PDB file of N, CA and C in Angstrom:
ATOM      1  N   MET A   1     -34.311 -20.591   2.403  1.00  0.00           N
ATOM      2  CA  MET A   1     -34.528 -20.223   1.026  1.00  0.00           C
ATOM      3  C   MET A   1     -34.842 -18.729   0.906  1.00  0.00           C
ATOM      4  N   SER A   2     -35.730 -18.222   1.763  1.00  0.00           N
ATOM      5  CA  SER A   2     -36.081 -16.800   1.665  1.00  0.00           C
ATOM      6  C   SER A   2     -34.890 -15.916   2.014  1.00  0.00           C
ATOM      7  N   TRP A   3     -34.079 -16.344   2.995  1.00  0.00           N
ATOM      8  CA  TRP A   3     -32.900 -15.561   3.367  1.00  0.00           C
ATOM      9  C   TRP A   3     -31.943 -15.471   2.185  1.00  0.00           C
ATOM     10  N   ALA A   4     -31.729 -16.598   1.498  1.00  0.00           N
ATOM     11  CA  ALA A   4     -30.841 -16.612   0.332  1.00  0.00           C
ATOM     12  C   ALA A   4     -31.383 -15.696  -0.763  1.00  0.00           C
ATOM     13  N   THR A   5     -32.682 -15.702  -0.970  1.00  0.00           N
ATOM     14  CA  THR A   5     -33.296 -14.815  -1.961  1.00  0.00           C
ATOM     15  C   THR A   5     -33.059 -13.356  -1.589  1.00  0.00           C
ATOM     16  N   ALA A   6     -33.267 -13.022  -0.323  1.00  0.00           N
ATOM     17  CA  ALA A   6     -33.037 -11.646   0.140  1.00  0.00           C
ATOM     18  C   ALA A   6     -31.575 -11.251  -0.040  1.00  0.00           C
ATOM     19  N   PHE A   7     -30.667 -12.168   0.228  1.00  0.00           N
ATOM     20  CA  PHE A   7     -29.236 -11.903   0.104  1.00  0.00           C
ATOM     21  C   PHE A   7     -28.853 -11.653  -1.353  1.00  0.00           C
ATOM     22  N   VAL A   8     -29.350 -12.485  -2.260  1.00  0.00           N
ATOM     23  CA  VAL A   8     -29.027 -12.350  -3.684  1.00  0.00           C
ATOM     24  C   VAL A   8     -29.591 -11.041  -4.248  1.00  0.00           C
ATOM     25  N   VAL A   9     -30.829 -10.718  -3.917  1.00  0.00           N
ATOM     26  CA  VAL A   9     -31.467  -9.518  -4.461  1.00  0.00           C
ATOM     27  C   VAL A   9     -30.826  -8.241  -3.919  1.00  0.00           C
ATOM     28  N   SER A  10     -30.548  -8.218  -2.624  1.00  0.00           N
ATOM     29  CA  SER A  10     -30.030  -6.991  -2.000  1.00  0.00           C
ATOM     30  C   SER A  10     -28.509  -6.874  -2.047  1.00  0.00           C
ATOM     31  N   LYS A  11     -27.832  -8.023  -2.243  1.00  0.00           N
ATOM     32  CA  LYS A  11     -26.365  -8.066  -2.200  1.00  0.00           C
ATOM     33  C   LYS A  11     -25.845  -7.603  -0.839  1.00  0.00           C
ATOM     34  N   GLN A  12     -26.668  -7.819   0.193  1.00  0.00           N
ATOM     35  CA  GLN A  12     -26.331  -7.472   1.570  1.00  0.00           C
ATOM     36  C   GLN A  12     -26.831  -8.579   2.488  1.00  0.00           C
ATOM     37  N   ARG A  13     -26.260  -8.642   3.682  1.00  0.00           N
ATOM     38  CA  ARG A  13     -26.669  -9.650   4.650  1.00  0.00           C
ATOM     39  C   ARG A  13     -28.008  -9.235   5.283  1.00  0.00           C
ATOM     40  N   PRO A  14     -29.093  -9.963   4.998  1.00  0.00           N
ATOM     41  CA  PRO A  14     -30.410  -9.579   5.518  1.00  0.00           C
ATOM     42  C   PRO A  14     -30.626 -10.026   6.966  1.00  0.00           C
ATOM     43  N   ARG A  15     -31.504  -9.295   7.654  1.00  0.00           N
ATOM     44  CA  ARG A  15     -31.922  -9.642   9.007  1.00  0.00           C
ATOM     45  C   ARG A  15     -33.436  -9.878   8.980  1.00  0.00           C
ATOM     46  N   VAL A  16     -33.875 -10.937   9.633  1.00  0.00           N
ATOM     47  CA  VAL A  16     -35.311 -11.226   9.701  1.00  0.00           C
ATOM     48  C   VAL A  16     -35.958 -10.242  10.665  1.00  0.00           C
ATOM     49  N   LEU A  17     -36.973  -9.533  10.190  1.00  0.00           N
ATOM     50  CA  LEU A  17     -37.757  -8.646  11.056  1.00  0.00           C
ATOM     51  C   LEU A  17     -39.022  -9.332  11.548  1.00  0.00           C
ATOM     52  N   HIS A  18     -39.615 -10.155  10.679  1.00  0.00           N
ATOM     53  CA  HIS A  18     -40.907 -10.737  11.042  1.00  0.00           C
ATOM     54  C   HIS A  18     -41.178 -11.979  10.196  1.00  0.00           C
ATOM     55  N   ILE A  19     -41.778 -12.964  10.830  1.00  0.00           N
ATOM     56  CA  ILE A  19     -42.280 -14.148  10.128  1.00  0.00           C
ATOM     57  C   ILE A  19     -43.792 -14.122  10.310  1.00  0.00           C
ATOM     58  N   ASP A  20     -44.509 -14.153   9.206  1.00  0.00           N
ATOM     59  CA  ASP A  20     -45.951 -13.918   9.248  1.00  0.00           C
ATOM     60  C   ASP A  20     -46.699 -14.994   8.478  1.00  0.00           C
ATOM     61  N   ASP A  21     -47.884 -15.311   8.937  1.00  0.00           N
ATOM     62  CA  ASP A  21     -48.812 -16.169   8.189  1.00  0.00           C
ATOM     63  C   ASP A  21     -48.174 -17.407   7.571  1.00  0.00           C
ATOM     64  N   ILE A  22     -47.764 -18.353   8.403  1.00  0.00           N
ATOM     65  CA  ILE A  22     -47.325 -19.630   7.851  1.00  0.00           C
ATOM     66  C   ILE A  22     -48.588 -20.448   7.644  1.00  0.00           C
ATOM     67  N   LEU A  23     -48.928 -20.656   6.403  1.00  0.00           N
ATOM     68  CA  LEU A  23     -50.158 -21.349   6.054  1.00  0.00           C
ATOM     69  C   LEU A  23     -49.836 -22.795   5.699  1.00  0.00           C
ATOM     70  N   PHE A  24     -50.303 -23.729   6.531  1.00  0.00           N
ATOM     71  CA  PHE A  24     -50.085 -25.149   6.282  1.00  0.00           C
ATOM     72  C   PHE A  24     -51.312 -25.701   5.567  1.00  0.00           C
ATOM     73  N   ARG A  25     -51.162 -25.959   4.286  1.00  0.00           N
ATOM     74  CA  ARG A  25     -52.289 -26.456   3.486  1.00  0.00           C
ATOM     75  C   ARG A  25     -52.454 -27.962   3.598  1.00  0.00           C
ATOM     76  N   SER A  26     -51.343 -28.667   3.693  1.00  0.00           N
ATOM     77  CA  SER A  26     -51.406 -30.118   3.849  1.00  0.00           C
ATOM     78  C   SER A  26     -50.107 -30.604   4.481  1.00  0.00           C
ATOM     79  N   PRO A  27     -50.141 -31.772   5.130  1.00  0.00           N
ATOM     80  CA  PRO A  27     -48.939 -32.274   5.800  1.00  0.00           C
ATOM     81  C   PRO A  27     -47.873 -32.714   4.793  1.00  0.00           C
ATOM     82  N   VAL A  28     -46.636 -32.710   5.265  1.00  0.00           N
ATOM     83  CA  VAL A  28     -45.509 -33.188   4.466  1.00  0.00           C
ATOM     84  C   VAL A  28     -44.979 -34.437   5.154  1.00  0.00           C
ATOM     85  N   GLU A  29     -45.042 -35.558   4.470  1.00  0.00           N
ATOM     86  CA  GLU A  29     -44.579 -36.811   5.057  1.00  0.00           C
ATOM     87  C   GLU A  29     -43.060 -36.849   5.106  1.00  0.00           C
ATOM     88  N   ILE A  30     -42.536 -37.528   6.116  1.00  0.00           N
ATOM     89  CA  ILE A  30     -41.090 -37.702   6.240  1.00  0.00           C
ATOM     90  C   ILE A  30     -40.584 -38.439   5.007  1.00  0.00           C
ATOM     91  N   GLY A  31     -39.502 -37.950   4.447  1.00  0.00           N
ATOM     92  CA  GLY A  31     -38.916 -38.559   3.257  1.00  0.00           C
ATOM     93  C   GLY A  31     -39.429 -37.974   1.950  1.00  0.00           C
ATOM     94  N   SER A  32     -40.387 -37.048   2.031  1.00  0.00           N
ATOM     95  CA  SER A  32     -40.915 -36.420   0.817  1.00  0.00           C
ATOM     96  C   SER A  32     -39.873 -35.496   0.204  1.00  0.00           C
ATOM     97  N   LEU A  33     -39.945 -35.339  -1.109  1.00  0.00           N
ATOM     98  CA  LEU A  33     -39.100 -34.367  -1.795  1.00  0.00           C
ATOM     99  C   LEU A  33     -39.851 -33.044  -1.854  1.00  0.00           C
ATOM    100  N   LEU A  34     -39.175 -31.989  -1.406  1.00  0.00           N
ATOM    101  CA  LEU A  34     -39.793 -30.665  -1.399  1.00  0.00           C
ATOM    102  C   LEU A  34     -39.201 -29.792  -2.486  1.00  0.00           C
ATOM    103  N   TYR A  35     -40.056 -29.035  -3.120  1.00  0.00           N
ATOM    104  CA  TYR A  35     -39.645 -28.006  -4.066  1.00  0.00           C
ATOM    105  C   TYR A  35     -39.965 -26.681  -3.393  1.00  0.00           C
ATOM    106  N   LEU A  36     -38.948 -25.834  -3.210  1.00  0.00           N
ATOM    107  CA  LEU A  36     -39.137 -24.534  -2.577  1.00  0.00           C
ATOM    108  C   LEU A  36     -38.991 -23.433  -3.618  1.00  0.00           C
ATOM    109  N   ASN A  37     -39.930 -22.506  -3.626  1.00  0.00           N
ATOM    110  CA  ASN A  37     -39.901 -21.368  -4.537  1.00  0.00           C
ATOM    111  C   ASN A  37     -40.032 -20.107  -3.697  1.00  0.00           C
ATOM    112  N   SER A  38     -39.056 -19.221  -3.812  1.00  0.00           N
ATOM    113  CA  SER A  38     -39.041 -18.011  -3.008  1.00  0.00           C
ATOM    114  C   SER A  38     -38.869 -16.805  -3.913  1.00  0.00           C
ATOM    115  N   GLN A  39     -39.644 -15.735  -3.646  1.00  0.00           N
ATOM    116  CA  GLN A  39     -39.488 -14.532  -4.453  1.00  0.00           C
ATOM    117  C   GLN A  39     -39.809 -13.278  -3.651  1.00  0.00           C
ATOM    118  N   VAL A  40     -39.119 -12.209  -4.004  1.00  0.00           N
ATOM    119  CA  VAL A  40     -39.389 -10.906  -3.407  1.00  0.00           C
ATOM    120  C   VAL A  40     -40.683 -10.397  -4.026  1.00  0.00           C
ATOM    121  N   VAL A  41     -41.671 -10.115  -3.180  1.00  0.00           N
ATOM    122  CA  VAL A  41     -42.962  -9.666  -3.698  1.00  0.00           C
ATOM    123  C   VAL A  41     -43.216  -8.182  -3.445  1.00  0.00           C
ATOM    124  N   TYR A  42     -42.466  -7.586  -2.494  1.00  0.00           N
ATOM    125  CA  TYR A  42     -42.651  -6.164  -2.198  1.00  0.00           C
ATOM    126  C   TYR A  42     -41.380  -5.634  -1.558  1.00  0.00           C
ATOM    127  N   THR A  43     -41.000  -4.411  -1.920  1.00  0.00           N
ATOM    128  CA  THR A  43     -39.862  -3.748  -1.279  1.00  0.00           C
ATOM    129  C   THR A  43     -40.248  -2.322  -0.922  1.00  0.00           C
ATOM    130  N   GLU A  44     -39.644  -1.843   0.137  1.00  0.00           N
ATOM    131  CA  GLU A  44     -39.829  -0.447   0.542  1.00  0.00           C
ATOM    132  C   GLU A  44     -38.587  -0.022   1.314  1.00  0.00           C
ATOM    133  N   GLY A  45     -37.819   0.878   0.728  1.00  0.00           N
ATOM    134  CA  GLY A  45     -36.599   1.344   1.387  1.00  0.00           C
ATOM    135  C   GLY A  45     -35.609   0.211   1.608  1.00  0.00           C
ATOM    136  N   GLN A  46     -35.333  -0.070   2.863  1.00  0.00           N
ATOM    137  CA  GLN A  46     -34.375  -1.113   3.235  1.00  0.00           C
ATOM    138  C   GLN A  46     -35.066  -2.426   3.594  1.00  0.00           C
ATOM    139  N   HIS A  47     -36.334  -2.559   3.241  1.00  0.00           N
ATOM    140  CA  HIS A  47     -37.110  -3.731   3.644  1.00  0.00           C
ATOM    141  C   HIS A  47     -37.604  -4.520   2.440  1.00  0.00           C
ATOM    142  N   MET A  48     -37.681  -5.832   2.629  1.00  0.00           N
ATOM    143  CA  MET A  48     -38.166  -6.740   1.586  1.00  0.00           C
ATOM    144  C   MET A  48     -39.203  -7.672   2.183  1.00  0.00           C
ATOM    145  N   GLN A  49     -40.262  -7.902   1.446  1.00  0.00           N
ATOM    146  CA  GLN A  49     -41.265  -8.890   1.815  1.00  0.00           C
ATOM    147  C   GLN A  49     -41.074 -10.061   0.859  1.00  0.00           C
ATOM    148  N   ILE A  50     -40.842 -11.241   1.419  1.00  0.00           N
ATOM    149  CA  ILE A  50     -40.546 -12.411   0.599  1.00  0.00           C
ATOM    150  C   ILE A  50     -41.564 -13.504   0.879  1.00  0.00           C
ATOM    151  N   SER A  51     -42.099 -14.072  -0.183  1.00  0.00           N
ATOM    152  CA  SER A  51     -43.036 -15.185  -0.095  1.00  0.00           C
ATOM    153  C   SER A  51     -42.314 -16.455  -0.529  1.00  0.00           C
ATOM    154  N   THR A  52     -42.434 -17.493   0.291  1.00  0.00           N
ATOM    155  CA  THR A  52     -41.818 -18.778  -0.031  1.00  0.00           C
ATOM    156  C   THR A  52     -42.903 -19.846  -0.036  1.00  0.00           C
ATOM    157  N   LYS A  53     -42.943 -20.614  -1.103  1.00  0.00           N
ATOM    158  CA  LYS A  53     -43.921 -21.693  -1.229  1.00  0.00           C
ATOM    159  C   LYS A  53     -43.198 -23.028  -1.222  1.00  0.00           C
ATOM    160  N   ALA A  54     -43.750 -23.982  -0.475  1.00  0.00           N
ATOM    161  CA  ALA A  54     -43.199 -25.332  -0.419  1.00  0.00           C
ATOM    162  C   ALA A  54     -44.205 -26.294  -1.044  1.00  0.00           C
ATOM    163  N   SER A  55     -43.718 -27.120  -1.960  1.00  0.00           N
ATOM    164  CA  SER A  55     -44.567 -28.113  -2.622  1.00  0.00           C
ATOM    165  C   SER A  55     -43.912 -29.476  -2.527  1.00  0.00           C
ATOM    166  N   VAL A  56     -44.730 -30.506  -2.343  1.00  0.00           N
ATOM    167  CA  VAL A  56     -44.243 -31.881  -2.377  1.00  0.00           C
ATOM    168  C   VAL A  56     -44.245 -32.331  -3.831  1.00  0.00           C
ATOM    169  N   VAL A  57     -43.154 -32.974  -4.242  1.00  0.00           N
ATOM    170  CA  VAL A  57     -43.018 -33.447  -5.619  1.00  0.00           C
ATOM    171  C   VAL A  57     -43.178 -34.962  -5.644  1.00  0.00           C
ATOM    172  N   ASP A  58     -44.054 -35.456  -6.503  1.00  0.00           N
ATOM    173  CA  ASP A  58     -44.182 -36.894  -6.745  1.00  0.00           C
ATOM    174  C   ASP A  58     -43.245 -37.224  -7.896  1.00  0.00           C
ATOM    175  N   VAL A  59     -42.149 -37.923  -7.604  1.00  0.00           N
ATOM    176  CA  VAL A  59     -41.131 -38.166  -8.629  1.00  0.00           C
ATOM    177  C   VAL A  59     -41.616 -39.113  -9.721  1.00  0.00           C
ATOM    178  N   VAL A  60     -42.587 -39.942  -9.427  1.00  0.00           N
ATOM    179  CA  VAL A  60     -43.091 -40.888 -10.428  1.00  0.00           C
ATOM    180  C   VAL A  60     -43.936 -40.170 -11.473  1.00  0.00           C
ATOM    181  N   THR A  61     -44.873 -39.337 -11.019  1.00  0.00           N
ATOM    182  CA  THR A  61     -45.777 -38.659 -11.955  1.00  0.00           C
ATOM    183  C   THR A  61     -45.288 -37.265 -12.342  1.00  0.00           C
ATOM    184  N   GLY A  62     -44.399 -36.700 -11.522  1.00  0.00           N
ATOM    185  CA  GLY A  62     -43.922 -35.347 -11.780  1.00  0.00           C
ATOM    186  C   GLY A  62     -44.865 -34.271 -11.270  1.00  0.00           C
ATOM    187  N   SER A  63     -45.944 -34.687 -10.626  1.00  0.00           N
ATOM    188  CA  SER A  63     -46.910 -33.706 -10.122  1.00  0.00           C
ATOM    189  C   SER A  63     -46.409 -33.077  -8.819  1.00  0.00           C
ATOM    190  N   THR A  64     -46.889 -31.873  -8.554  1.00  0.00           N
ATOM    191  CA  THR A  64     -46.542 -31.179  -7.319  1.00  0.00           C
ATOM    192  C   THR A  64     -47.816 -30.801  -6.575  1.00  0.00           C
ATOM    193  N   ASN A  65     -47.704 -30.731  -5.248  1.00  0.00           N
ATOM    194  CA  ASN A  65     -48.827 -30.360  -4.403  1.00  0.00           C
ATOM    195  C   ASN A  65     -48.348 -29.291  -3.423  1.00  0.00           C
ATOM    196  N   LEU A  66     -48.920 -28.085  -3.510  1.00  0.00           N
ATOM    197  CA  LEU A  66     -48.549 -26.992  -2.619  1.00  0.00           C
ATOM    198  C   LEU A  66     -48.915 -27.367  -1.187  1.00  0.00           C
ATOM    199  N   THR A  67     -47.930 -27.298  -0.280  1.00  0.00           N
ATOM    200  CA  THR A  67     -48.173 -27.693   1.108  1.00  0.00           C
ATOM    201  C   THR A  67     -48.104 -26.534   2.092  1.00  0.00           C
ATOM    202  N   ASN A  68     -47.202 -25.590   1.877  1.00  0.00           N
ATOM    203  CA  ASN A  68     -47.020 -24.487   2.830  1.00  0.00           C
ATOM    204  C   ASN A  68     -46.712 -23.189   2.099  1.00  0.00           C
ATOM    205  N   ILE A  69     -47.124 -22.075   2.715  1.00  0.00           N
ATOM    206  CA  ILE A  69     -46.758 -20.746   2.225  1.00  0.00           C
ATOM    207  C   ILE A  69     -46.234 -19.959   3.423  1.00  0.00           C
ATOM    208  N   PHE A  70     -45.071 -19.347   3.249  1.00  0.00           N
ATOM    209  CA  PHE A  70     -44.431 -18.579   4.311  1.00  0.00           C
ATOM    210  C   PHE A  70     -44.266 -17.131   3.849  1.00  0.00           C
ATOM    211  N   HIS A  71     -44.398 -16.187   4.787  1.00  0.00           N
ATOM    212  CA  HIS A  71     -44.190 -14.768   4.493  1.00  0.00           C
ATOM    213  C   HIS A  71     -43.147 -14.221   5.464  1.00  0.00           C
ATOM    214  N   PHE A  72     -42.065 -13.656   4.923  1.00  0.00           N
ATOM    215  CA  PHE A  72     -40.969 -13.126   5.732  1.00  0.00           C
ATOM    216  C   PHE A  72     -40.748 -11.655   5.409  1.00  0.00           C
ATOM    217  N   THR A  73     -40.419 -10.870   6.433  1.00  0.00           N
ATOM    218  CA  THR A  73     -40.003  -9.483   6.246  1.00  0.00           C
ATOM    219  C   THR A  73     -38.539  -9.391   6.641  1.00  0.00           C
ATOM    220  N   TYR A  74     -37.712  -8.879   5.728  1.00  0.00           N
ATOM    221  CA  TYR A  74     -36.274  -8.730   5.968  1.00  0.00           C
ATOM    222  C   TYR A  74     -35.887  -7.267   5.921  1.00  0.00           C
ATOM    223  N   GLU A  75     -34.773  -6.967   6.598  1.00  0.00           N
ATOM    224  CA  GLU A  75     -34.196  -5.630   6.587  1.00  0.00           C
ATOM    225  C   GLU A  75     -32.722  -5.741   6.226  1.00  0.00           C
ATOM    226  N   VAL A  76     -32.235  -4.766   5.467  1.00  0.00           N
ATOM    227  CA  VAL A  76     -30.808  -4.665   5.136  1.00  0.00           C
ATOM    228  C   VAL A  76     -30.359  -3.231   5.424  1.00  0.00           C
ATOM    229  N   ASP A  77     -29.053  -2.982   5.329  1.00  0.00           N
ATOM    230  CA  ASP A  77     -28.511  -1.665   5.682  1.00  0.00           C
ATOM    231  C   ASP A  77     -28.758  -0.589   4.623  1.00  0.00           C
ATOM    232  N   GLN A  78     -28.737  -0.973   3.359  1.00  0.00           N
ATOM    233  CA  GLN A  78     -28.901  -0.016   2.260  1.00  0.00           C
ATOM    234  C   GLN A  78     -30.229  -0.275   1.542  1.00  0.00           C
ATOM    235  N   PRO A  79     -30.826   0.753   0.937  1.00  0.00           N
ATOM    236  CA  PRO A  79     -32.081   0.553   0.196  1.00  0.00           C
ATOM    237  C   PRO A  79     -31.944  -0.522  -0.886  1.00  0.00           C
ATOM    238  N   VAL A  80     -33.027  -1.236  -1.110  1.00  0.00           N
ATOM    239  CA  VAL A  80     -33.048  -2.312  -2.108  1.00  0.00           C
ATOM    240  C   VAL A  80     -33.798  -1.837  -3.351  1.00  0.00           C
ATOM    241  N   PRO A  81     -33.576  -2.504  -4.489  1.00  0.00           N
ATOM    242  CA  PRO A  81     -34.296  -2.115  -5.707  1.00  0.00           C
ATOM    243  C   PRO A  81     -35.812  -2.201  -5.511  1.00  0.00           C
ATOM    244  N   THR A  82     -36.521  -1.290  -6.128  1.00  0.00           N
ATOM    245  CA  THR A  82     -37.978  -1.274  -6.050  1.00  0.00           C
ATOM    246  C   THR A  82     -38.551  -2.442  -6.842  1.00  0.00           C
ATOM    247  N   THR A  83     -39.527  -3.115  -6.253  1.00  0.00           N
ATOM    248  CA  THR A  83     -40.212  -4.211  -6.930  1.00  0.00           C
ATOM    249  C   THR A  83     -41.299  -3.629  -7.827  1.00  0.00           C
ATOM    250  N   ILE A  84     -41.260  -3.983  -9.106  1.00  0.00           N
ATOM    251  CA  ILE A  84     -42.264  -3.508 -10.057  1.00  0.00           C
ATOM    252  C   ILE A  84     -42.897  -4.727 -10.727  1.00  0.00           C
ATOM    253  N   PRO A  85     -44.163  -5.012 -10.412  1.00  0.00           N
ATOM    254  CA  PRO A  85     -44.822  -6.164 -11.034  1.00  0.00           C
ATOM    255  C   PRO A  85     -45.022  -5.953 -12.533  1.00  0.00           C
ATOM    256  N   GLU A  86     -44.882  -7.034 -13.295  1.00  0.00           N
ATOM    257  CA  GLU A  86     -45.039  -6.954 -14.751  1.00  0.00           C
ATOM    258  C   GLU A  86     -46.289  -7.665 -15.255  1.00  0.00           C
ATOM    259  N   THR A  87     -46.846  -8.558 -14.457  1.00  0.00           N
ATOM    260  CA  THR A  87     -48.035  -9.303 -14.872  1.00  0.00           C
ATOM    261  C   THR A  87     -49.136  -9.124 -13.824  1.00  0.00           C
ATOM    262  N   TYR A  88     -50.331  -9.552 -14.184  1.00  0.00           N
ATOM    263  CA  TYR A  88     -51.449  -9.486 -13.237  1.00  0.00           C
ATOM    264  C   TYR A  88     -51.141 -10.311 -11.992  1.00  0.00           C
ATOM    265  N   HIS A  89     -50.632 -11.526 -12.183  1.00  0.00           N
ATOM    266  CA  HIS A  89     -50.297 -12.405 -11.056  1.00  0.00           C
ATOM    267  C   HIS A  89     -49.259 -11.743 -10.147  1.00  0.00           C
ATOM    268  N   GLU A  90     -48.229 -11.151 -10.739  1.00  0.00           N
ATOM    269  CA  GLU A  90     -47.208 -10.459  -9.948  1.00  0.00           C
ATOM    270  C   GLU A  90     -47.808  -9.264  -9.214  1.00  0.00           C
ATOM    271  N   ALA A  91     -48.751  -8.573  -9.834  1.00  0.00           N
ATOM    272  CA  ALA A  91     -49.406  -7.437  -9.181  1.00  0.00           C
ATOM    273  C   ALA A  91     -50.203  -7.895  -7.961  1.00  0.00           C
ATOM    274  N   MET A  92     -50.869  -9.039  -8.070  1.00  0.00           N
ATOM    275  CA  MET A  92     -51.618  -9.572  -6.932  1.00  0.00           C
ATOM    276  C   MET A  92     -50.670  -9.972  -5.802  1.00  0.00           C
ATOM    277  N   MET A  93     -49.527 -10.561  -6.165  1.00  0.00           N
ATOM    278  CA  MET A  93     -48.530 -10.926  -5.156  1.00  0.00           C
ATOM    279  C   MET A  93     -47.936  -9.672  -4.519  1.00  0.00           C
ATOM    280  N   TYR A  94     -47.717  -8.641  -5.321  1.00  0.00           N
ATOM    281  CA  TYR A  94     -47.201  -7.361  -4.829  1.00  0.00           C
ATOM    282  C   TYR A  94     -48.160  -6.766  -3.795  1.00  0.00           C
ATOM    283  N   LEU A  95     -49.451  -6.733  -4.117  1.00  0.00           N
ATOM    284  CA  LEU A  95     -50.441  -6.177  -3.193  1.00  0.00           C
ATOM    285  C   LEU A  95     -50.521  -6.989  -1.904  1.00  0.00           C
ATOM    286  N   ASP A  96     -50.447  -8.310  -2.023  1.00  0.00           N
ATOM    287  CA  ASP A  96     -50.450  -9.167  -0.838  1.00  0.00           C
ATOM    288  C   ASP A  96     -49.195  -8.915   0.001  1.00  0.00           C
ATOM    289  N   GLY A  97     -48.047  -8.788  -0.656  1.00  0.00           N
ATOM    290  CA  GLY A  97     -46.800  -8.498   0.051  1.00  0.00           C
ATOM    291  C   GLY A  97     -46.850  -7.153   0.748  1.00  0.00           C
ATOM    292  N   ARG A  98     -47.415  -6.163   0.073  1.00  0.00           N
ATOM    293  CA  ARG A  98     -47.549  -4.837   0.678  1.00  0.00           C
ATOM    294  C   ARG A  98     -48.452  -4.890   1.906  1.00  0.00           C
ATOM    295  N   ARG A  99     -49.514  -5.657   1.810  1.00  0.00           N
ATOM    296  CA  ARG A  99     -50.434  -5.818   2.951  1.00  0.00           C
ATOM    297  C   ARG A  99     -49.702  -6.437   4.144  1.00  0.00           C
ATOM    298  N   HIS A 100     -48.899  -7.476   3.885  1.00  0.00           N
ATOM    299  CA  HIS A 100     -48.130  -8.108   4.969  1.00  0.00           C
ATOM    300  C   HIS A 100     -47.129  -7.125   5.570  1.00  0.00           C
ATOM    301  N   TYR A 101     -46.456  -6.358   4.716  1.00  0.00           N
ATOM    302  CA  TYR A 101     -45.474  -5.382   5.206  1.00  0.00           C
ATOM    303  C   TYR A 101     -46.152  -4.300   6.048  1.00  0.00           C
ATOM    304  N   GLN A 102     -47.284  -3.795   5.585  1.00  0.00           N
ATOM    305  CA  GLN A 102     -47.995  -2.765   6.339  1.00  0.00           C
ATOM    306  C   GLN A 102     -48.495  -3.305   7.674  1.00  0.00           C
ATOM    307  N   LEU A 103     -48.854  -4.577   7.717  1.00  0.00           N
ATOM    308  CA  LEU A 103     -49.257  -5.210   8.969  1.00  0.00           C
ATOM    309  C   LEU A 103     -48.091  -5.204   9.957  1.00  0.00           C
ATOM    310  N   VAL A 104     -46.898  -5.533   9.481  1.00  0.00           N
ATOM    311  CA  VAL A 104     -45.707  -5.526  10.335  1.00  0.00           C
ATOM    312  C   VAL A 104     -45.455  -4.113  10.860  1.00  0.00           C
ATOM    313  N   ARG A 105     -45.526  -3.128   9.979  1.00  0.00           N
ATOM    314  CA  ARG A 105     -45.325  -1.728  10.404  1.00  0.00           C
ATOM    315  C   ARG A 105     -46.349  -1.331  11.456  1.00  0.00           C
ATOM    316  N   GLY A 106     -47.599  -1.691  11.232  1.00  0.00           N
ATOM    317  CA  GLY A 106     -48.656  -1.356  12.179  1.00  0.00           C
ATOM    318  C   GLY A 106     -48.473  -2.032  13.522  1.00  0.00           C
ATOM    319  N   MET A 107     -48.071  -3.297  13.509  1.00  0.00           N
ATOM    320  CA  MET A 107     -47.851  -4.020  14.760  1.00  0.00           C
ATOM    321  C   MET A 107     -46.724  -3.384  15.557  1.00  0.00           C
ATOM    322  N   ARG A 108     -45.645  -3.039  14.885  1.00  0.00           N
ATOM    323  CA  ARG A 108     -44.493  -2.456  15.577  1.00  0.00           C
ATOM    324  C   ARG A 108     -44.849  -1.073  16.131  1.00  0.00           C
ATOM    325  N   LYS A 109     -45.661  -0.328  15.398  1.00  0.00           N
ATOM    326  CA  LYS A 109     -46.097   0.988  15.876  1.00  0.00           C
ATOM    327  C   LYS A 109     -47.006   0.819  17.093  1.00  0.00           C
ATOM    328  N   PHE A 110     -47.923  -0.144  17.027  1.00  0.00           N
ATOM    329  CA  PHE A 110     -48.856  -0.406  18.123  1.00  0.00           C
ATOM    330  C   PHE A 110     -48.114  -0.783  19.398  1.00  0.00           C
ATOM    331  N   TYR A 111     -47.079  -1.603  19.261  1.00  0.00           N
ATOM    332  CA  TYR A 111     -46.328  -2.056  20.428  1.00  0.00           C
ATOM    333  C   TYR A 111     -45.223  -1.087  20.829  1.00  0.00           C
ATOM    334  N   GLY A 112     -45.241   0.128  20.258  1.00  0.00           N
ATOM    335  CA  GLY A 112     -44.311   1.163  20.671  1.00  0.00           C
ATOM    336  C   GLY A 112     -42.901   0.994  20.157  1.00  0.00           C
ATOM    337  N   GLN A 113     -42.756   0.316  19.038  1.00  0.00           N
ATOM    338  CA  GLN A 113     -41.428   0.101  18.475  1.00  0.00           C
ATOM    339  C   GLN A 113     -41.186   1.005  17.281  1.00  0.00           C
ATOM    340  N   GLY A 114     -41.986   2.030  17.130  1.00  0.00           N
ATOM    341  CA  GLY A 114     -41.801   2.971  16.030  1.00  0.00           C
ATOM    342  C   GLY A 114     -42.593   2.585  14.805  1.00  0.00           C
ATOM    343  N   GLU A 115     -42.804   3.550  13.931  1.00  0.00           N
ATOM    344  CA  GLU A 115     -43.538   3.295  12.693  1.00  0.00           C
ATOM    345  C   GLU A 115     -42.707   2.471  11.737  1.00  0.00           C
ATOM    346  N   ASN A 116     -41.407   2.674  11.775  1.00  0.00           N
ATOM    347  CA  ASN A 116     -40.497   1.951  10.895  1.00  0.00           C
ATOM    348  C   ASN A 116     -40.128   0.626  11.550  1.00  0.00           C
ATOM    349  N   PRO A 117     -40.325  -0.531  10.888  1.00  0.00           N
ATOM    350  CA  PRO A 117     -39.983  -1.814  11.492  1.00  0.00           C
ATOM    351  C   PRO A 117     -38.536  -1.905  11.932  1.00  0.00           C
ATOM    352  N   ALA A 118     -37.665  -1.074  11.368  1.00  0.00           N
ATOM    353  CA  ALA A 118     -36.249  -1.150  11.723  1.00  0.00           C
ATOM    354  C   ALA A 118     -35.921  -0.360  12.982  1.00  0.00           C
ATOM    355  N   ASP A 119     -36.886   0.354  13.554  1.00  0.00           N
ATOM    356  CA  ASP A 119     -36.602   1.179  14.726  1.00  0.00           C
ATOM    357  C   ASP A 119     -36.101   0.371  15.914  1.00  0.00           C
ATOM    358  N   THR A 120     -36.591  -0.846  16.067  1.00  0.00           N
ATOM    359  CA  THR A 120     -36.160  -1.696  17.165  1.00  0.00           C
ATOM    360  C   THR A 120     -35.658  -3.006  16.593  1.00  0.00           C
ATOM    361  N   PRO A 121     -34.382  -3.330  16.826  1.00  0.00           N
ATOM    362  CA  PRO A 121     -33.874  -4.588  16.289  1.00  0.00           C
ATOM    363  C   PRO A 121     -34.542  -5.781  16.952  1.00  0.00           C
ATOM    364  N   ILE A 122     -34.674  -6.838  16.191  1.00  0.00           N
ATOM    365  CA  ILE A 122     -35.267  -8.070  16.718  1.00  0.00           C
ATOM    366  C   ILE A 122     -34.158  -9.044  17.003  1.00  0.00           C
TER     367      ILE A 122
END
C-alpha cells in the first residue's frame, strides 16, 4: 500500500530506503478484513516518508480497530512535491514524519553511509 502511494504521488518507481517503527497495537486474526490507509506525511528532495495504518473492520457493526502502524522511507530519481500540512492533525503527522526521516538520515550518517540516505543503495 505504501509503495503504491509513493508511486502515485511521485509518478516514479520508488525504492524502499528504510522501514521504521512497526507498531503492533493488537493482533489481527486470520480471516479478518483489513482496512489500509497510507499517506505521504513528509517529503524532502527525492525522499518521501509514508505512514500506513492497518485497521480491522467488523462488517456487522461497521466499527474499526487500529491494529498496526508502519513507517516507510522511499527514494525516487526526481524531486517530489513538497508536503504542506493544512490542518493541525496533518501538521502533527508532518512533524512525526520529519522525525522519522531525520532518524534515517542520522543512522545512515552514523554507519558511514553518508548524510543523504540515498548515498548508499539498499
